[in-house]
Structures are given as C-alpha cells and as structure tokens.
Amino acid sequence: MEYITVKQASERWGISDRRVRVLCGEGRIQGVVRKGRSYFIPADALKPIDGRSLRGKEIPEQYAALFATVDEMKAELDRHRPLTSGELKRLQDEFLVEFTYNSNAIEGNTLTLQETALALEGVTIDQKPLKHHLEAVGHRDAFLYVVSLVKKKVPISERIIREIHALVLIDSPEDKGVYRRIPVKIMGAHHEPPQPFLVPVQMERLIADFSSGNRHIIETAALFHLNFEGIHPFIDGNGRTGRLILNLMLMQAGYPPIDVKFTNRRKYYACFDSYYRDDDASPMVNMVSEYIKERLSQYLNLLQT
C-alpha cells in the first residue's frame, strides 16, 4: 500500500497539518500507520467529513459508521465537481439503460438488458409485447424528468409524484397519475395496503413527515420508499415510481442515483417484510447505503481513470 505524509494529506484535503494529526489521533482516518511521532496515511484514504455538516441530524448508532463512509466518498466526489457535460452524459447514459432494465424486470418486464437498450433507441423487439416496449420508454422519460427536477431544485410533492407516475404508466392512459379507487393486495407480502379512501390522506401525511424530518437523507429516503410502497397509491406502477422517487430524493441531496438489481429482488422484497413484519427498517437503509457506495465507487474510479 502507498502512504502519504501528514503534510501531503493536509495539502490534498485543504486543512491544516494539526487538523490531520488530530484526525489520525482520533482514529477517524482508516489504515493510518504510526511510527514514533509520525503518521503515515494510505494514499487512497478519504478525507473524514466535517461533523458540523451533520449537526441537528438524528443518526442512530447502527448507521453512524456506514453514513460516515458514504458521506466521505460523496465529499471526495464533490471535490471533482462540477463535472463536464461529457462526463455527466456518459454517467447518465450508462446508468439509464441498466436502471430501466432492472426496475422494469423486477415488475415482470421480459426485455433483456440488450433488448431494453434497443427499445430505448426505437427498435421493436420481435415476439416481445408492445406493453414492455412502452414500459421501457416510459421509465426512461420518467427518469429524465427526475433529472430535470433535480436541476431545477423542485421539491417533492404529490403533484410531482403523480407526474412521475403518469410518465411511467405510458401504456395505461386511464390510470396515469390517478390514485387507485379499489382495494389491492400485494401477493406474498406481510402488509395490506390501506383502503382507497385513505390513500390521499396517507400520501399527504407521508410528504409532510418527509419535509419535517431531521434524519440523515439516506435513512429518510429509505423510510419514504418503504412507506410509499406500503401505501401503494396507484393501481399499477408503484414499484417503478417508488424507485424513481427514491432516486429523486438522493439526487436532490447530491448523491448519485442507485439501481436496485433484478438479481437482488428477493433481498429487496425481504426489506419490506422486515419493515412491515418486524418493524425493522435497517435492511432497506443498509441496502440503499450499499448501493450508493457502489455508485460512488464507480464515479470515483471513472474520474481517476
């Protein structure tokens, strides 16, 4: 492993030598080696986040180390910002196809990753339903709308959620952006969504709770996702819409969007069971956090390359 000195770390991170020594002494920099009075810091070590950025936030002890790691990676990415338009486009284009494929596949769409890419280019895949082509296009348009909302700093509201859903459900004009009017059940789930007349009230409350909370945004976004899917406000498209809203919340806070993999769908479903059966949100919080770490690593590796 390559190491740098306290002075080199000080210059790289824009803080004083003394502050770096304090961070080393407090054990806040991983992998530090001490020889006598000198500290040697791994060359790829991340600058510890400033604790002042978390003041006023309620962070459960079980998430403290995980959130700190994620935020240190985010801070490293922030030092490379603003990214060029070319860099942003490359990152977005690569993510968009995989996100569209995985989010739709979780809900039963049969297009493969390659077929999804072709469908987004306007190619019709033989022997695949038109509905699945439209779902790919609708999801792409919804994600691009989410990106525009982030740029304009538009706050999340019921109207925004309905508009995202309307783009997702491009193949069902009569149900686009409309709260369901009949009861529904989620097959195999340990939770039964509320009756239709309760949906508007619970959605209004969900938005209000999100706006007034003082949790870390990762925990807030994970909890919002769990509760949104529990309300199941629409007759169809709740999963895709929910994952888009999850990304909207993360992106508004400066994190990259995440892609819940189709191959991890059982683990993903188990997060909802843990929450509604055991009142335990930690599996979803941890899953979202790990996906963010994965995406941040991809961004940082690309920038270093």
C-alpha atoms as a PDB file:
ATOM      1  CA  MET A   1       0.000   0.000   0.000  1.00  0.00           C
ATOM      2  CA  GLU A   2       1.199   3.522  -0.792  1.00  0.00           C
ATOM      3  CA  TYR A   3       1.259   6.090   2.001  1.00  0.00           C
ATOM      4  CA  ILE A   4       1.419   9.863   2.185  1.00  0.00           C
ATOM      5  CA  THR A   5       2.621  12.141   4.953  1.00  0.00           C
ATOM      6  CA  VAL A   6       0.545  14.383   7.167  1.00  0.00           C
ATOM      7  CA  LYS A   7       1.751  17.392   5.160  1.00  0.00           C
ATOM      8  CA  GLN A   8       0.737  15.784   1.852  1.00  0.00           C
ATOM      9  CA  ALA A   9      -2.698  14.918   3.258  1.00  0.00           C
ATOM     10  CA  SER A  10      -3.025  18.482   4.537  1.00  0.00           C
ATOM     11  CA  GLU A  11      -2.353  19.901   1.070  1.00  0.00           C
ATOM     12  CA  ARG A  12      -4.651  17.386  -0.639  1.00  0.00           C
ATOM     13  CA  TRP A  13      -7.592  17.969   1.711  1.00  0.00           C
ATOM     14  CA  GLY A  14      -7.152  21.713   2.249  1.00  0.00           C
ATOM     15  CA  ILE A  15      -6.859  21.542   6.035  1.00  0.00           C
ATOM     16  CA  SER A  16      -4.008  22.221   8.463  1.00  0.00           C
ATOM     17  CA  ASP A  17      -1.288  19.755   9.435  1.00  0.00           C
ATOM     18  CA  ARG A  18      -2.525  19.972  13.003  1.00  0.00           C
ATOM     19  CA  ARG A  19      -6.074  19.032  11.977  1.00  0.00           C
ATOM     20  CA  VAL A  20      -4.787  15.996  10.081  1.00  0.00           C
ATOM     21  CA  ARG A  21      -2.823  14.885  13.159  1.00  0.00           C
ATOM     22  CA  VAL A  22      -5.935  15.261  15.316  1.00  0.00           C
ATOM     23  CA  LEU A  23      -7.953  13.152  12.867  1.00  0.00           C
ATOM     24  CA  CYS A  24      -5.228  10.489  12.891  1.00  0.00           C
ATOM     25  CA  GLY A  25      -5.092  10.513  16.688  1.00  0.00           C
ATOM     26  CA  GLU A  26      -8.881  10.148  16.923  1.00  0.00           C
ATOM     27  CA  GLY A  27      -8.814   7.151  14.591  1.00  0.00           C
ATOM     28  CA  ARG A  28     -11.007   8.882  12.015  1.00  0.00           C
ATOM     29  CA  ILE A  29      -8.761   8.023   9.076  1.00  0.00           C
ATOM     30  CA  GLN A  30      -8.746   4.346   8.188  1.00  0.00           C
ATOM     31  CA  GLY A  31      -5.474   2.485   7.711  1.00  0.00           C
ATOM     32  CA  VAL A  32      -3.158   5.051   9.345  1.00  0.00           C
ATOM     33  CA  VAL A  33       0.233   3.729  10.474  1.00  0.00           C
ATOM     34  CA  ARG A  34       2.071   5.450  13.306  1.00  0.00           C
ATOM     35  CA  LYS A  35       5.850   5.330  13.603  1.00  0.00           C
ATOM     36  CA  GLY A  36       7.109   7.241  16.603  1.00  0.00           C
ATOM     37  CA  ARG A  37       5.549  10.695  16.385  1.00  0.00           C
ATOM     38  CA  SER A  38       4.819  10.447  12.670  1.00  0.00           C
ATOM     39  CA  TYR A  39       1.656   9.325  10.962  1.00  0.00           C
ATOM     40  CA  PHE A  40       1.571   7.683   7.540  1.00  0.00           C
ATOM     41  CA  ILE A  41      -1.769   7.820   5.744  1.00  0.00           C
ATOM     42  CA  PRO A  42      -2.943   5.481   2.960  1.00  0.00           C
ATOM     43  CA  ALA A  43      -2.686   7.334  -0.349  1.00  0.00           C
ATOM     44  CA  ASP A  44      -6.291   6.472  -1.205  1.00  0.00           C
ATOM     45  CA  ALA A  45      -7.694   7.498   2.187  1.00  0.00           C
ATOM     46  CA  LEU A  46     -10.760   9.707   2.128  1.00  0.00           C
ATOM     47  CA  LYS A  47     -10.948  12.976   3.999  1.00  0.00           C
ATOM     48  CA  PRO A  48     -13.185  12.489   7.070  1.00  0.00           C
ATOM     49  CA  ILE A  49     -16.381  14.501   6.858  1.00  0.00           C
ATOM     50  CA  ASP A  50     -16.794  17.621   8.944  1.00  0.00           C
ATOM     51  CA  GLY A  51     -19.047  16.742  11.872  1.00  0.00           C
ATOM     52  CA  ARG A  52     -20.671  20.161  11.591  1.00  0.00           C
ATOM     53  CA  SER A  53     -22.430  19.031   8.420  1.00  0.00           C
ATOM     54  CA  LEU A  54     -24.419  16.534  10.497  1.00  0.00           C
ATOM     55  CA  ARG A  55     -25.454  18.874  13.284  1.00  0.00           C
ATOM     56  CA  GLY A  56     -29.141  18.669  14.033  1.00  0.00           C
ATOM     57  CA  LYS A  57     -29.441  15.245  12.403  1.00  0.00           C
ATOM     58  CA  GLU A  58     -30.696  12.253  14.334  1.00  0.00           C
ATOM     59  CA  ILE A  59     -28.390   9.417  13.302  1.00  0.00           C
ATOM     60  CA  PRO A  60     -28.928   6.056  15.022  1.00  0.00           C
ATOM     61  CA  GLU A  61     -25.713   4.489  16.262  1.00  0.00           C
ATOM     62  CA  GLN A  62     -26.191   1.482  13.970  1.00  0.00           C
ATOM     63  CA  TYR A  63     -25.898   3.734  10.903  1.00  0.00           C
ATOM     64  CA  ALA A  64     -23.218   6.168  12.098  1.00  0.00           C
ATOM     65  CA  ALA A  65     -20.162   4.414  10.615  1.00  0.00           C
ATOM     66  CA  LEU A  66     -21.950   3.491   7.377  1.00  0.00           C
ATOM     67  CA  PHE A  67     -23.270   7.013   6.764  1.00  0.00           C
ATOM     68  CA  ALA A  68     -19.841   8.468   7.583  1.00  0.00           C
ATOM     69  CA  THR A  69     -18.196   6.247   4.963  1.00  0.00           C
ATOM     70  CA  VAL A  70     -20.791   7.123   2.326  1.00  0.00           C
ATOM     71  CA  ASP A  71     -20.527  10.843   3.045  1.00  0.00           C
ATOM     72  CA  GLU A  72     -16.724  10.767   2.924  1.00  0.00           C
ATOM     73  CA  MET A  73     -16.956   9.207  -0.543  1.00  0.00           C
ATOM     74  CA  LYS A  74     -19.517  11.818  -1.564  1.00  0.00           C
ATOM     75  CA  ALA A  75     -17.256  14.602  -0.281  1.00  0.00           C
ATOM     76  CA  GLU A  76     -14.427  13.215  -2.418  1.00  0.00           C
ATOM     77  CA  LEU A  77     -16.705  13.249  -5.458  1.00  0.00           C
ATOM     78  CA  ASP A  78     -17.829  16.801  -4.616  1.00  0.00           C
ATOM     79  CA  ARG A  79     -14.193  17.927  -4.839  1.00  0.00           C
ATOM     80  CA  HIS A  80     -14.249  16.900  -8.516  1.00  0.00           C
ATOM     81  CA  ARG A  81     -17.401  18.864  -9.250  1.00  0.00           C
ATOM     82  CA  PRO A  82     -18.713  20.392 -11.363  1.00  0.00           C
ATOM     83  CA  LEU A  83     -18.304  17.557 -13.838  1.00  0.00           C
ATOM     84  CA  THR A  84     -18.156  18.364 -17.532  1.00  0.00           C
ATOM     85  CA  SER A  85     -21.232  17.885 -19.703  1.00  0.00           C
ATOM     86  CA  GLY A  86     -19.463  14.976 -21.391  1.00  0.00           C
ATOM     87  CA  GLU A  87     -18.732  13.271 -18.091  1.00  0.00           C
ATOM     88  CA  LEU A  88     -22.306  13.747 -16.906  1.00  0.00           C
ATOM     89  CA  LYS A  89     -23.766  12.409 -20.146  1.00  0.00           C
ATOM     90  CA  ARG A  90     -21.577   9.310 -20.060  1.00  0.00           C
ATOM     91  CA  LEU A  91     -22.520   8.547 -16.465  1.00  0.00           C
ATOM     92  CA  GLN A  92     -26.212   9.160 -17.116  1.00  0.00           C
ATOM     93  CA  ASP A  93     -26.399   7.156 -20.347  1.00  0.00           C
ATOM     94  CA  GLU A  94     -24.684   4.119 -18.836  1.00  0.00           C
ATOM     95  CA  PHE A  95     -26.921   4.228 -15.779  1.00  0.00           C
ATOM     96  CA  LEU A  96     -30.200   4.865 -17.598  1.00  0.00           C
ATOM     97  CA  VAL A  97     -30.310   1.626 -19.590  1.00  0.00           C
ATOM     98  CA  GLU A  98     -29.416  -0.594 -16.629  1.00  0.00           C
ATOM     99  CA  PHE A  99     -31.784   1.219 -14.270  1.00  0.00           C
ATOM    100  CA  THR A 100     -34.639   0.946 -16.760  1.00  0.00           C
ATOM    101  CA  TYR A 101     -33.938  -2.737 -17.369  1.00  0.00           C
ATOM    102  CA  ASN A 102     -33.669  -3.685 -13.685  1.00  0.00           C
ATOM    103  CA  SER A 103     -36.589  -1.617 -12.415  1.00  0.00           C
ATOM    104  CA  ASN A 104     -38.896  -2.971 -15.122  1.00  0.00           C
ATOM    105  CA  ALA A 105     -37.626  -6.547 -14.798  1.00  0.00           C
ATOM    106  CA  ILE A 106     -38.444  -6.520 -11.073  1.00  0.00           C
ATOM    107  CA  GLU A 107     -42.055  -5.858 -12.087  1.00  0.00           C
ATOM    108  CA  GLY A 108     -42.176  -8.647 -14.697  1.00  0.00           C
ATOM    109  CA  ASN A 109     -40.969  -6.948 -17.883  1.00  0.00           C
ATOM    110  CA  THR A 110     -39.350  -9.589 -20.124  1.00  0.00           C
ATOM    111  CA  LEU A 111     -36.986  -7.383 -22.144  1.00  0.00           C
ATOM    112  CA  THR A 112     -33.342  -8.287 -21.606  1.00  0.00           C
ATOM    113  CA  LEU A 113     -30.722  -5.618 -20.904  1.00  0.00           C
ATOM    114  CA  GLN A 114     -29.702  -5.563 -24.565  1.00  0.00           C
ATOM    115  CA  GLU A 115     -33.329  -5.514 -25.727  1.00  0.00           C
ATOM    116  CA  THR A 116     -34.045  -2.646 -23.350  1.00  0.00           C
ATOM    117  CA  ALA A 117     -31.198  -0.648 -24.879  1.00  0.00           C
ATOM    118  CA  LEU A 118     -32.563  -1.312 -28.362  1.00  0.00           C
ATOM    119  CA  ALA A 119     -36.130  -0.447 -27.335  1.00  0.00           C
ATOM    120  CA  LEU A 120     -34.904   2.890 -25.999  1.00  0.00           C
ATOM    121  CA  GLU A 121     -33.407   3.544 -29.430  1.00  0.00           C
ATOM    122  CA  GLY A 122     -36.802   2.893 -31.049  1.00  0.00           C
ATOM    123  CA  VAL A 123     -36.130  -0.681 -32.197  1.00  0.00           C
ATOM    124  CA  THR A 124     -39.047  -3.114 -31.944  1.00  0.00           C
ATOM    125  CA  ILE A 125     -38.104  -6.481 -30.458  1.00  0.00           C
ATOM    126  CA  ASP A 126     -39.788  -9.399 -32.213  1.00  0.00           C
ATOM    127  CA  GLN A 127     -42.121 -11.564 -30.093  1.00  0.00           C
ATOM    128  CA  LYS A 128     -41.992  -9.173 -27.140  1.00  0.00           C
ATOM    129  CA  PRO A 129     -45.218  -7.386 -26.022  1.00  0.00           C
ATOM    130  CA  LEU A 130     -45.753  -3.777 -27.044  1.00  0.00           C
ATOM    131  CA  LYS A 131     -46.530  -3.097 -23.379  1.00  0.00           C
ATOM    132  CA  HIS A 132     -42.953  -3.999 -22.419  1.00  0.00           C
ATOM    133  CA  HIS A 133     -41.542  -1.660 -25.065  1.00  0.00           C
ATOM    134  CA  LEU A 134     -43.740   1.163 -23.764  1.00  0.00           C
ATOM    135  CA  GLU A 135     -42.683   0.449 -20.184  1.00  0.00           C
ATOM    136  CA  ALA A 136     -39.047   0.925 -21.194  1.00  0.00           C
ATOM    137  CA  VAL A 137     -39.774   4.222 -22.945  1.00  0.00           C
ATOM    138  CA  GLY A 138     -42.000   5.439 -20.118  1.00  0.00           C
ATOM    139  CA  HIS A 139     -39.396   4.650 -17.465  1.00  0.00           C
ATOM    140  CA  ARG A 140     -36.696   6.427 -19.458  1.00  0.00           C
ATOM    141  CA  ASP A 141     -38.844   9.534 -19.841  1.00  0.00           C
ATOM    142  CA  ALA A 142     -39.712   9.473 -16.146  1.00  0.00           C
ATOM    143  CA  PHE A 143     -36.037   9.292 -15.157  1.00  0.00           C
ATOM    144  CA  LEU A 144     -35.131  12.158 -17.476  1.00  0.00           C
ATOM    145  CA  TYR A 145     -37.967  14.134 -15.867  1.00  0.00           C
ATOM    146  CA  VAL A 146     -36.490  13.353 -12.449  1.00  0.00           C
ATOM    147  CA  VAL A 147     -33.113  14.660 -13.665  1.00  0.00           C
ATOM    148  CA  SER A 148     -34.802  17.899 -14.774  1.00  0.00           C
ATOM    149  CA  LEU A 149     -36.477  18.257 -11.373  1.00  0.00           C
ATOM    150  CA  VAL A 150     -33.104  17.935  -9.655  1.00  0.00           C
ATOM    151  CA  LYS A 151     -31.586  20.625 -11.887  1.00  0.00           C
ATOM    152  CA  LYS A 152     -34.491  22.976 -11.150  1.00  0.00           C
ATOM    153  CA  LYS A 153     -34.465  22.098  -7.420  1.00  0.00           C
ATOM    154  CA  VAL A 154     -38.182  21.337  -7.453  1.00  0.00           C
ATOM    155  CA  PRO A 155     -39.350  19.982  -4.074  1.00  0.00           C
ATOM    156  CA  ILE A 156     -41.160  16.661  -3.854  1.00  0.00           C
ATOM    157  CA  SER A 157     -44.946  16.964  -3.712  1.00  0.00           C
ATOM    158  CA  GLU A 158     -47.989  14.881  -4.506  1.00  0.00           C
ATOM    159  CA  ARG A 159     -48.213  16.645  -7.843  1.00  0.00           C
ATOM    160  CA  ILE A 160     -44.638  15.676  -8.716  1.00  0.00           C
ATOM    161  CA  ILE A 161     -45.261  12.072  -7.697  1.00  0.00           C
ATOM    162  CA  ARG A 162     -48.364  11.936  -9.880  1.00  0.00           C
ATOM    163  CA  GLU A 163     -46.450  13.389 -12.818  1.00  0.00           C
ATOM    164  CA  ILE A 164     -43.662  10.816 -12.469  1.00  0.00           C
ATOM    165  CA  HIS A 165     -46.264   8.056 -12.325  1.00  0.00           C
ATOM    166  CA  ALA A 166     -48.027   9.422 -15.409  1.00  0.00           C
ATOM    167  CA  LEU A 167     -44.792   9.031 -17.389  1.00  0.00           C
ATOM    168  CA  VAL A 168     -44.152   5.543 -16.012  1.00  0.00           C
ATOM    169  CA  LEU A 169     -47.649   4.327 -16.920  1.00  0.00           C
ATOM    170  CA  ILE A 170     -47.498   5.457 -20.526  1.00  0.00           C
ATOM    171  CA  ASP A 171     -49.344   2.295 -21.613  1.00  0.00           C
ATOM    172  CA  SER A 172     -52.391   2.930 -19.361  1.00  0.00           C
ATOM    173  CA  PRO A 173     -53.808   6.402 -20.113  1.00  0.00           C
ATOM    174  CA  GLU A 174     -56.818   5.956 -17.833  1.00  0.00           C
ATOM    175  CA  ASP A 175     -54.672   5.189 -14.767  1.00  0.00           C
ATOM    176  CA  LYS A 176     -51.818   7.682 -15.250  1.00  0.00           C
ATOM    177  CA  GLY A 177     -51.249   9.830 -12.180  1.00  0.00           C
ATOM    178  CA  VAL A 178     -54.536   8.724 -10.613  1.00  0.00           C
ATOM    179  CA  TYR A 179     -54.751   7.309  -7.091  1.00  0.00           C
ATOM    180  CA  ARG A 180     -56.359   3.884  -7.077  1.00  0.00           C
ATOM    181  CA  ARG A 181     -60.084   3.591  -6.441  1.00  0.00           C
ATOM    182  CA  ILE A 182     -60.180  -0.085  -5.464  1.00  0.00           C
ATOM    183  CA  PRO A 183     -58.554  -2.165  -2.690  1.00  0.00           C
ATOM    184  CA  VAL A 184     -55.372  -4.066  -3.591  1.00  0.00           C
ATOM    185  CA  LYS A 185     -53.279  -6.845  -2.101  1.00  0.00           C
ATOM    186  CA  ILE A 186     -49.569  -7.432  -2.549  1.00  0.00           C
ATOM    187  CA  MET A 187     -49.096 -11.138  -3.143  1.00  0.00           C
ATOM    188  CA  GLY A 188     -46.881 -12.782  -0.527  1.00  0.00           C
ATOM    189  CA  ALA A 189     -46.357  -9.557   1.442  1.00  0.00           C
ATOM    190  CA  HIS A 190     -46.750  -9.150   5.217  1.00  0.00           C
ATOM    191  CA  HIS A 191     -48.764  -5.988   4.748  1.00  0.00           C
ATOM    192  CA  GLU A 192     -52.084  -4.987   3.278  1.00  0.00           C
ATOM    193  CA  PRO A 193     -52.243  -1.511   1.686  1.00  0.00           C
ATOM    194  CA  PRO A 194     -54.861   0.912   3.035  1.00  0.00           C
ATOM    195  CA  GLN A 195     -58.351   1.211   1.629  1.00  0.00           C
ATOM    196  CA  PRO A 196     -58.668   3.600  -1.347  1.00  0.00           C
ATOM    197  CA  PHE A 197     -60.357   6.401   0.624  1.00  0.00           C
ATOM    198  CA  LEU A 198     -57.315   6.537   2.945  1.00  0.00           C
ATOM    199  CA  VAL A 199     -54.726   6.869   0.188  1.00  0.00           C
ATOM    200  CA  PRO A 200     -54.914  10.689  -0.278  1.00  0.00           C
ATOM    201  CA  VAL A 201     -54.695  11.272   3.468  1.00  0.00           C
ATOM    202  CA  GLN A 202     -51.740   8.926   3.917  1.00  0.00           C
ATOM    203  CA  MET A 203     -49.899  10.368   0.921  1.00  0.00           C
ATOM    204  CA  GLU A 204     -50.343  13.892   2.271  1.00  0.00           C
ATOM    205  CA  ARG A 205     -49.036  12.748   5.655  1.00  0.00           C
ATOM    206  CA  LEU A 206     -46.080  10.961   4.048  1.00  0.00           C
ATOM    207  CA  ILE A 207     -44.993  14.131   2.238  1.00  0.00           C
ATOM    208  CA  ALA A 208     -45.401  16.204   5.402  1.00  0.00           C
ATOM    209  CA  ASP A 209     -43.376  13.767   7.511  1.00  0.00           C
ATOM    210  CA  PHE A 210     -40.578  13.760   4.941  1.00  0.00           C
ATOM    211  CA  SER A 211     -40.475  17.552   4.798  1.00  0.00           C
ATOM    212  CA  SER A 212     -40.318  17.984   8.579  1.00  0.00           C
ATOM    213  CA  GLY A 213     -37.881  15.198   9.479  1.00  0.00           C
ATOM    214  CA  ASN A 214     -34.304  15.666  10.702  1.00  0.00           C
ATOM    215  CA  ARG A 215     -32.860  12.262   9.861  1.00  0.00           C
ATOM    216  CA  HIS A 216     -29.944  11.695   7.539  1.00  0.00           C
ATOM    217  CA  ILE A 217     -31.217  11.806   3.951  1.00  0.00           C
ATOM    218  CA  ILE A 218     -30.282   8.174   3.309  1.00  0.00           C
ATOM    219  CA  GLU A 219     -32.472   6.977   6.175  1.00  0.00           C
ATOM    220  CA  THR A 220     -35.206   9.436   5.169  1.00  0.00           C
ATOM    221  CA  ALA A 221     -35.225   8.218   1.559  1.00  0.00           C
ATOM    222  CA  ALA A 222     -35.267   4.557   2.596  1.00  0.00           C
ATOM    223  CA  LEU A 223     -38.141   5.126   5.023  1.00  0.00           C
ATOM    224  CA  PHE A 224     -40.075   7.133   2.440  1.00  0.00           C
ATOM    225  CA  HIS A 225     -39.662   4.282  -0.040  1.00  0.00           C
ATOM    226  CA  LEU A 226     -40.852   1.691   2.472  1.00  0.00           C
ATOM    227  CA  ASN A 227     -43.931   3.728   3.364  1.00  0.00           C
ATOM    228  CA  PHE A 228     -44.734   4.759  -0.201  1.00  0.00           C
ATOM    229  CA  GLU A 229     -44.790   1.140  -1.334  1.00  0.00           C
ATOM    230  CA  GLY A 230     -46.850   0.288   1.735  1.00  0.00           C
ATOM    231  CA  ILE A 231     -49.494   2.838   0.769  1.00  0.00           C
ATOM    232  CA  HIS A 232     -49.399   1.503  -2.803  1.00  0.00           C
ATOM    233  CA  PRO A 233     -51.229   4.612  -4.028  1.00  0.00           C
ATOM    234  CA  PHE A 234     -51.648   3.600  -7.671  1.00  0.00           C
ATOM    235  CA  ILE A 235     -53.315   0.639  -9.305  1.00  0.00           C
ATOM    236  CA  ASP A 236     -50.062  -0.182 -11.151  1.00  0.00           C
ATOM    237  CA  GLY A 237     -46.521   1.158 -11.460  1.00  0.00           C
ATOM    238  CA  ASN A 238     -45.923   1.676  -7.726  1.00  0.00           C
ATOM    239  CA  GLY A 239     -42.561  -0.102  -7.669  1.00  0.00           C
ATOM    240  CA  ARG A 240     -41.102   1.741 -10.645  1.00  0.00           C
ATOM    241  CA  THR A 241     -42.476   5.069  -9.441  1.00  0.00           C
ATOM    242  CA  GLY A 242     -41.217   4.454  -5.922  1.00  0.00           C
ATOM    243  CA  ARG A 243     -37.677   3.713  -7.064  1.00  0.00           C
ATOM    244  CA  LEU A 244     -37.684   6.857  -9.210  1.00  0.00           C
ATOM    245  CA  ILE A 245     -38.798   8.934  -6.213  1.00  0.00           C
ATOM    246  CA  LEU A 246     -36.106   7.280  -4.095  1.00  0.00           C
ATOM    247  CA  ASN A 247     -33.541   8.440  -6.655  1.00  0.00           C
ATOM    248  CA  LEU A 248     -35.076  11.893  -6.841  1.00  0.00           C
ATOM    249  CA  MET A 249     -34.564  12.286  -3.101  1.00  0.00           C
ATOM    250  CA  LEU A 250     -30.980  11.025  -3.227  1.00  0.00           C
ATOM    251  CA  MET A 251     -30.045  13.145  -6.250  1.00  0.00           C
ATOM    252  CA  GLN A 252     -31.536  16.271  -4.691  1.00  0.00           C
ATOM    253  CA  ALA A 253     -29.143  15.712  -1.778  1.00  0.00           C
ATOM    254  CA  GLY A 254     -26.152  15.351  -4.105  1.00  0.00           C
ATOM    255  CA  TYR A 255     -25.887  11.553  -4.163  1.00  0.00           C
ATOM    256  CA  PRO A 256     -25.809   9.552  -7.382  1.00  0.00           C
ATOM    257  CA  PRO A 257     -28.949   7.584  -8.335  1.00  0.00           C
ATOM    258  CA  ILE A 258     -28.994   3.889  -7.425  1.00  0.00           C
ATOM    259  CA  ASP A 259     -30.083   0.851  -9.383  1.00  0.00           C
ATOM    260  CA  VAL A 260     -31.781  -1.944  -7.421  1.00  0.00           C
ATOM    261  CA  LYS A 261     -30.723  -5.029  -9.350  1.00  0.00           C
ATOM    262  CA  PHE A 262     -33.233  -7.563 -10.654  1.00  0.00           C
ATOM    263  CA  THR A 263     -30.911 -10.301  -9.360  1.00  0.00           C
ATOM    264  CA  ASN A 264     -31.293  -8.842  -5.842  1.00  0.00           C
ATOM    265  CA  ARG A 265     -35.078  -8.684  -5.939  1.00  0.00           C
ATOM    266  CA  ARG A 266     -35.553 -11.311  -3.196  1.00  0.00           C
ATOM    267  CA  LYS A 267     -33.319  -9.335  -0.853  1.00  0.00           C
ATOM    268  CA  TYR A 268     -35.188  -6.184  -1.861  1.00  0.00           C
ATOM    269  CA  TYR A 269     -38.597  -7.751  -1.130  1.00  0.00           C
ATOM    270  CA  ALA A 270     -37.258  -9.063   2.184  1.00  0.00           C
ATOM    271  CA  CYS A 271     -36.563  -5.451   3.226  1.00  0.00           C
ATOM    272  CA  PHE A 272     -40.293  -4.717   3.062  1.00  0.00           C
ATOM    273  CA  ASP A 273     -41.100  -7.860   5.048  1.00  0.00           C
ATOM    274  CA  SER A 274     -38.613  -6.820   7.736  1.00  0.00           C
ATOM    275  CA  TYR A 275     -40.222  -3.403   7.977  1.00  0.00           C
ATOM    276  CA  TYR A 276     -43.884  -4.426   7.998  1.00  0.00           C
ATOM    277  CA  ARG A 277     -43.498  -7.701   9.881  1.00  0.00           C
ATOM    278  CA  ASP A 278     -40.686  -6.828  12.312  1.00  0.00           C
ATOM    279  CA  ASP A 279     -40.808  -3.010  12.357  1.00  0.00           C
ATOM    280  CA  ASP A 280     -37.176  -3.013  11.250  1.00  0.00           C
ATOM    281  CA  ALA A 281     -36.149  -0.533   8.549  1.00  0.00           C
ATOM    282  CA  SER A 282     -32.428  -1.295   8.792  1.00  0.00           C
ATOM    283  CA  PRO A 283     -32.301  -3.839   5.922  1.00  0.00           C
ATOM    284  CA  MET A 284     -33.628  -1.214   3.485  1.00  0.00           C
ATOM    285  CA  VAL A 285     -31.425   1.547   4.922  1.00  0.00           C
ATOM    286  CA  ASN A 286     -28.378  -0.702   4.603  1.00  0.00           C
ATOM    287  CA  MET A 287     -29.310  -1.809   1.088  1.00  0.00           C
ATOM    288  CA  VAL A 288     -29.735   1.767  -0.125  1.00  0.00           C
ATOM    289  CA  SER A 289     -26.448   2.759   1.542  1.00  0.00           C
ATOM    290  CA  GLU A 290     -24.521  -0.085  -0.076  1.00  0.00           C
ATOM    291  CA  TYR A 291     -25.930   0.765  -3.497  1.00  0.00           C
ATOM    292  CA  ILE A 292     -24.867   4.400  -3.013  1.00  0.00           C
ATOM    293  CA  LYS A 293     -21.355   3.278  -2.041  1.00  0.00           C
ATOM    294  CA  GLU A 294     -21.221   1.134  -5.172  1.00  0.00           C
ATOM    295  CA  ARG A 295     -22.249   4.034  -7.380  1.00  0.00           C
ATOM    296  CA  LEU A 296     -19.849   6.467  -5.699  1.00  0.00           C
ATOM    297  CA  SER A 297     -17.012   3.991  -6.246  1.00  0.00           C
ATOM    298  CA  GLN A 298     -17.916   3.791  -9.940  1.00  0.00           C
ATOM    299  CA  TYR A 299     -17.888   7.581 -10.243  1.00  0.00           C
ATOM    300  CA  LEU A 300     -14.588   7.988  -8.399  1.00  0.00           C
ATOM    301  CA  ASN A 301     -12.887   5.195 -10.343  1.00  0.00           C
ATOM    302  CA  LEU A 302     -14.039   6.713 -13.623  1.00  0.00           C
ATOM    303  CA  LEU A 303     -12.748  10.150 -12.666  1.00  0.00           C
ATOM    304  CA  GLN A 304      -9.391   8.731 -11.587  1.00  0.00           C
ATOM    305  CA  THR A 305      -9.119   6.882 -14.892  1.00  0.00           C
END
